[in-house]
Amino acid sequence: MNFHTLVVDQLKDLGEVEDRPLLGGWGLWLDGSMFGIVQGERLYLLTADPEARLEYQRQGSMPYQASGPYREYYRVPATVLESRQRLVAAARRAAGSGK
């Protein structure tokens, strides 16, 4: 199972997550709003919420390297990826901030 498929599988508890090709990777969508980007073996989530962004920065996360609206997407820390529960909670927060 590749990383992209693994991430989508881990996010089943969110609801119907759509994955669409984006910039050589995949955009993750929920209820019509994009909340995540899978690029290779990396997952980035929308951090429009300043608290979420600061939390990711404290853990050494870097923003997605693209201009425009993608700059609000930060790489998900390993501590979040290692726990399905934490990943779903982080994705739910990201999906909610994109509305």
N, C-alpha and C. Protein backbone atom coordinates (compact mmCIF):
# COMPACT_ATOMS: atom_id res chain seq x y z
N MET A 1 0.86 -1.18 0.00
CA MET A 1 0.00 0.00 0.00
C MET A 1 0.90 1.24 0.00
N ASN A 2 0.67 2.15 -0.95
CA ASN A 2 1.49 3.37 -0.99
C ASN A 2 1.01 4.39 0.06
N PHE A 3 1.82 5.40 0.28
CA PHE A 3 1.53 6.38 1.33
C PHE A 3 0.20 7.09 1.10
N HIS A 4 -0.05 7.51 -0.12
CA HIS A 4 -1.30 8.19 -0.46
C HIS A 4 -2.52 7.34 -0.08
N THR A 5 -2.50 6.07 -0.47
CA THR A 5 -3.60 5.16 -0.17
C THR A 5 -3.73 4.94 1.33
N LEU A 6 -2.60 4.82 2.01
CA LEU A 6 -2.60 4.64 3.46
C LEU A 6 -3.26 5.82 4.17
N VAL A 7 -2.91 7.03 3.75
CA VAL A 7 -3.48 8.24 4.36
C VAL A 7 -4.99 8.28 4.15
N VAL A 8 -5.44 8.05 2.94
CA VAL A 8 -6.89 8.08 2.65
C VAL A 8 -7.60 7.01 3.48
N ASP A 9 -6.99 5.85 3.61
CA ASP A 9 -7.58 4.78 4.41
C ASP A 9 -7.67 5.18 5.89
N GLN A 10 -6.62 5.82 6.40
CA GLN A 10 -6.60 6.25 7.80
C GLN A 10 -7.65 7.32 8.11
N LEU A 11 -8.08 8.04 7.08
CA LEU A 11 -9.02 9.15 7.28
C LEU A 11 -10.49 8.75 7.06
N LYS A 12 -10.77 7.46 6.96
CA LYS A 12 -12.14 7.00 6.72
C LYS A 12 -13.13 7.52 7.76
N ASP A 13 -12.68 7.70 9.00
CA ASP A 13 -13.57 8.16 10.07
C ASP A 13 -14.07 9.59 9.86
N LEU A 14 -13.43 10.34 8.97
CA LEU A 14 -13.87 11.71 8.68
C LEU A 14 -15.15 11.74 7.86
N GLY A 15 -15.35 10.72 7.07
CA GLY A 15 -16.45 10.71 6.12
C GLY A 15 -15.89 10.39 4.76
N GLU A 16 -16.55 10.87 3.72
CA GLU A 16 -16.13 10.56 2.36
C GLU A 16 -15.05 11.53 1.89
N VAL A 17 -13.80 11.15 2.14
CA VAL A 17 -12.66 11.96 1.71
C VAL A 17 -12.41 11.67 0.23
N GLU A 18 -12.35 12.73 -0.56
CA GLU A 18 -12.04 12.60 -1.98
C GLU A 18 -10.57 12.91 -2.18
N ASP A 19 -9.93 12.16 -3.05
CA ASP A 19 -8.55 12.47 -3.42
C ASP A 19 -8.53 12.78 -4.92
N ARG A 20 -7.94 13.92 -5.23
CA ARG A 20 -7.87 14.40 -6.62
C ARG A 20 -6.42 14.74 -6.96
N PRO A 21 -5.99 14.42 -8.19
CA PRO A 21 -4.63 14.78 -8.59
C PRO A 21 -4.39 16.29 -8.43
N LEU A 22 -3.19 16.62 -7.89
CA LEU A 22 -2.85 18.02 -7.64
C LEU A 22 -1.33 18.18 -7.63
N LEU A 23 -0.80 18.97 -8.54
CA LEU A 23 0.62 19.34 -8.54
C LEU A 23 1.55 18.14 -8.41
N GLY A 24 1.26 17.06 -9.10
CA GLY A 24 2.10 15.87 -9.03
C GLY A 24 1.86 15.01 -7.81
N GLY A 25 0.89 15.38 -7.01
CA GLY A 25 0.53 14.62 -5.82
C GLY A 25 -0.98 14.47 -5.77
N TRP A 26 -1.55 14.62 -4.58
CA TRP A 26 -3.00 14.47 -4.39
C TRP A 26 -3.53 15.54 -3.46
N GLY A 27 -4.66 16.13 -3.82
CA GLY A 27 -5.39 17.02 -2.92
C GLY A 27 -6.43 16.19 -2.20
N LEU A 28 -6.63 16.45 -0.92
CA LEU A 28 -7.64 15.75 -0.12
C LEU A 28 -8.79 16.71 0.15
N TRP A 29 -9.99 16.25 -0.14
CA TRP A 29 -11.18 17.08 -0.05
C TRP A 29 -12.23 16.44 0.84
N LEU A 30 -12.97 17.26 1.56
CA LEU A 30 -14.10 16.80 2.36
C LEU A 30 -15.19 17.86 2.25
N ASP A 31 -16.36 17.43 1.88
CA ASP A 31 -17.52 18.34 1.75
C ASP A 31 -17.22 19.56 0.87
N GLY A 32 -16.51 19.34 -0.21
CA GLY A 32 -16.26 20.41 -1.17
C GLY A 32 -15.11 21.33 -0.86
N SER A 33 -14.37 21.09 0.24
CA SER A 33 -13.23 21.94 0.59
C SER A 33 -11.96 21.12 0.69
N MET A 34 -10.89 21.66 0.11
CA MET A 34 -9.61 20.96 0.21
C MET A 34 -9.00 21.23 1.58
N PHE A 35 -8.52 20.16 2.22
CA PHE A 35 -7.93 20.30 3.55
C PHE A 35 -6.54 19.69 3.65
N GLY A 36 -6.12 18.95 2.63
CA GLY A 36 -4.82 18.30 2.72
C GLY A 36 -4.17 18.08 1.37
N ILE A 37 -2.86 17.85 1.41
CA ILE A 37 -2.07 17.55 0.22
C ILE A 37 -1.15 16.38 0.55
N VAL A 38 -1.16 15.39 -0.31
CA VAL A 38 -0.19 14.29 -0.20
C VAL A 38 0.80 14.49 -1.34
N GLN A 39 2.07 14.61 -0.97
CA GLN A 39 3.13 14.81 -1.96
C GLN A 39 4.22 13.80 -1.64
N GLY A 40 4.33 12.76 -2.45
CA GLY A 40 5.30 11.70 -2.17
C GLY A 40 4.94 11.00 -0.88
N GLU A 41 5.88 10.99 0.06
CA GLU A 41 5.67 10.36 1.37
C GLU A 41 5.37 11.40 2.45
N ARG A 42 4.84 12.53 2.03
CA ARG A 42 4.55 13.62 2.98
C ARG A 42 3.08 14.00 2.91
N LEU A 43 2.53 14.31 4.09
CA LEU A 43 1.16 14.80 4.19
C LEU A 43 1.21 16.21 4.75
N TYR A 44 0.50 17.11 4.10
CA TYR A 44 0.36 18.49 4.55
C TYR A 44 -1.11 18.75 4.83
N LEU A 45 -1.40 19.42 5.94
CA LEU A 45 -2.78 19.78 6.26
C LEU A 45 -2.92 21.30 6.32
N LEU A 46 -4.11 21.76 6.00
CA LEU A 46 -4.43 23.17 6.06
C LEU A 46 -4.32 23.65 7.50
N THR A 47 -3.61 24.74 7.70
CA THR A 47 -3.46 25.31 9.04
C THR A 47 -3.89 26.77 9.03
N ALA A 48 -5.09 27.03 8.56
CA ALA A 48 -5.60 28.40 8.54
C ALA A 48 -5.77 28.93 9.96
N ASP A 49 -5.97 28.03 10.90
CA ASP A 49 -6.08 28.39 12.31
C ASP A 49 -4.67 28.68 12.85
N PRO A 50 -4.41 29.91 13.33
CA PRO A 50 -3.07 30.26 13.81
C PRO A 50 -2.56 29.33 14.91
N GLU A 51 -3.43 28.84 15.77
CA GLU A 51 -3.00 27.92 16.83
C GLU A 51 -2.47 26.62 16.25
N ALA A 52 -3.16 26.10 15.25
CA ALA A 52 -2.71 24.86 14.60
C ALA A 52 -1.36 25.07 13.93
N ARG A 53 -1.22 26.19 13.25
CA ARG A 53 0.05 26.49 12.56
C ARG A 53 1.19 26.58 13.56
N LEU A 54 0.97 27.27 14.67
CA LEU A 54 2.01 27.42 15.70
C LEU A 54 2.37 26.06 16.30
N GLU A 55 1.37 25.23 16.52
CA GLU A 55 1.60 23.88 17.06
C GLU A 55 2.50 23.08 16.11
N TYR A 56 2.22 23.15 14.82
CA TYR A 56 3.04 22.44 13.83
C TYR A 56 4.45 23.02 13.77
N GLN A 57 4.57 24.34 13.81
CA GLN A 57 5.88 24.99 13.76
C GLN A 57 6.73 24.59 14.97
N ARG A 58 6.11 24.47 16.14
CA ARG A 58 6.84 24.06 17.35
C ARG A 58 7.42 22.66 17.19
N GLN A 59 6.76 21.84 16.38
CA GLN A 59 7.23 20.47 16.16
C GLN A 59 8.18 20.38 14.96
N GLY A 60 8.57 21.53 14.43
CA GLY A 60 9.54 21.56 13.35
C GLY A 60 8.95 21.40 11.95
N SER A 61 7.65 21.48 11.83
CA SER A 61 7.01 21.33 10.52
C SER A 61 7.24 22.55 9.65
N MET A 62 7.35 22.28 8.37
CA MET A 62 7.57 23.34 7.39
C MET A 62 6.35 23.45 6.49
N PRO A 63 6.12 24.64 5.91
CA PRO A 63 4.99 24.79 5.00
C PRO A 63 5.24 24.10 3.66
N TYR A 64 4.16 23.81 2.98
CA TYR A 64 4.24 23.26 1.64
C TYR A 64 4.93 24.29 0.75
N GLN A 65 5.84 23.85 -0.08
CA GLN A 65 6.65 24.76 -0.89
C GLN A 65 5.98 25.09 -2.21
N ALA A 66 4.97 25.92 -2.14
CA ALA A 66 4.29 26.42 -3.33
C ALA A 66 3.73 27.79 -2.98
N SER A 67 3.46 28.58 -3.98
CA SER A 67 2.93 29.91 -3.73
C SER A 67 1.41 29.87 -3.65
N GLY A 68 0.84 31.00 -3.31
CA GLY A 68 -0.62 31.11 -3.27
C GLY A 68 -1.21 30.47 -2.03
N PRO A 69 -2.41 29.92 -2.17
CA PRO A 69 -3.13 29.41 -1.01
C PRO A 69 -2.47 28.19 -0.37
N TYR A 70 -1.54 27.57 -1.05
CA TYR A 70 -0.91 26.36 -0.52
C TYR A 70 0.06 26.65 0.61
N ARG A 71 0.42 27.89 0.82
CA ARG A 71 1.36 28.25 1.87
C ARG A 71 0.78 28.02 3.26
N GLU A 72 -0.52 27.86 3.37
CA GLU A 72 -1.14 27.60 4.67
C GLU A 72 -1.18 26.11 5.00
N TYR A 73 -0.59 25.30 4.15
CA TYR A 73 -0.53 23.86 4.40
C TYR A 73 0.83 23.52 5.00
N TYR A 74 0.81 22.83 6.15
CA TYR A 74 2.04 22.46 6.83
C TYR A 74 2.17 20.94 6.90
N ARG A 75 3.43 20.51 6.85
CA ARG A 75 3.70 19.07 6.91
C ARG A 75 3.25 18.53 8.26
N VAL A 76 2.56 17.41 8.23
CA VAL A 76 2.05 16.78 9.45
C VAL A 76 3.22 16.12 10.18
N PRO A 77 3.39 16.43 11.46
CA PRO A 77 4.49 15.84 12.23
C PRO A 77 4.33 14.31 12.36
N ALA A 78 5.45 13.63 12.51
CA ALA A 78 5.44 12.17 12.65
C ALA A 78 4.59 11.72 13.84
N THR A 79 4.59 12.50 14.92
CA THR A 79 3.81 12.12 16.10
C THR A 79 2.32 12.05 15.80
N VAL A 80 1.87 12.84 14.84
CA VAL A 80 0.46 12.82 14.43
C VAL A 80 0.22 11.66 13.47
N LEU A 81 1.13 11.45 12.54
CA LEU A 81 0.98 10.36 11.56
C LEU A 81 0.98 8.99 12.21
N GLU A 82 1.68 8.86 13.32
CA GLU A 82 1.82 7.56 13.99
C GLU A 82 0.55 7.12 14.72
N SER A 83 -0.40 8.00 14.89
CA SER A 83 -1.63 7.68 15.61
C SER A 83 -2.85 8.00 14.74
N ARG A 84 -3.62 6.99 14.42
CA ARG A 84 -4.82 7.21 13.59
C ARG A 84 -5.75 8.22 14.27
N GLN A 85 -5.90 8.12 15.57
CA GLN A 85 -6.78 9.03 16.32
C GLN A 85 -6.30 10.48 16.20
N ARG A 86 -5.00 10.70 16.38
CA ARG A 86 -4.45 12.06 16.26
C ARG A 86 -4.57 12.57 14.83
N LEU A 87 -4.33 11.69 13.86
CA LEU A 87 -4.40 12.08 12.45
C LEU A 87 -5.82 12.50 12.09
N VAL A 88 -6.80 11.73 12.50
CA VAL A 88 -8.20 12.06 12.20
C VAL A 88 -8.58 13.39 12.87
N ALA A 89 -8.14 13.58 14.11
CA ALA A 89 -8.45 14.84 14.81
C ALA A 89 -7.81 16.04 14.11
N ALA A 90 -6.56 15.88 13.67
CA ALA A 90 -5.87 16.97 12.96
C ALA A 90 -6.54 17.25 11.62
N ALA A 91 -6.93 16.20 10.91
CA ALA A 91 -7.59 16.37 9.61
C ALA A 91 -8.97 17.00 9.79
N ARG A 92 -9.67 16.63 10.85
CA ARG A 92 -10.98 17.22 11.12
C ARG A 92 -10.84 18.72 11.38
N ARG A 93 -9.81 19.08 12.13
CA ARG A 93 -9.54 20.50 12.41
C ARG A 93 -9.20 21.25 11.12
N ALA A 94 -8.38 20.61 10.28
CA ALA A 94 -7.99 21.22 9.00
C ALA A 94 -9.21 21.37 8.09
N ALA A 95 -10.03 20.35 8.01
CA ALA A 95 -11.22 20.39 7.15
C ALA A 95 -12.18 21.46 7.63
N GLY A 96 -12.30 21.65 8.92
CA GLY A 96 -13.18 22.66 9.47
C GLY A 96 -12.68 24.06 9.23
N SER A 97 -11.36 24.24 9.17
CA SER A 97 -10.80 25.58 8.96
C SER A 97 -10.86 25.99 7.50
N GLY A 98 -11.12 25.03 6.61
CA GLY A 98 -11.18 25.35 5.19
C GLY A 98 -12.54 25.81 4.73
N LYS A 99 -13.50 25.89 5.62
CA LYS A 99 -14.87 26.28 5.23
C LYS A 99 -15.12 27.74 5.48
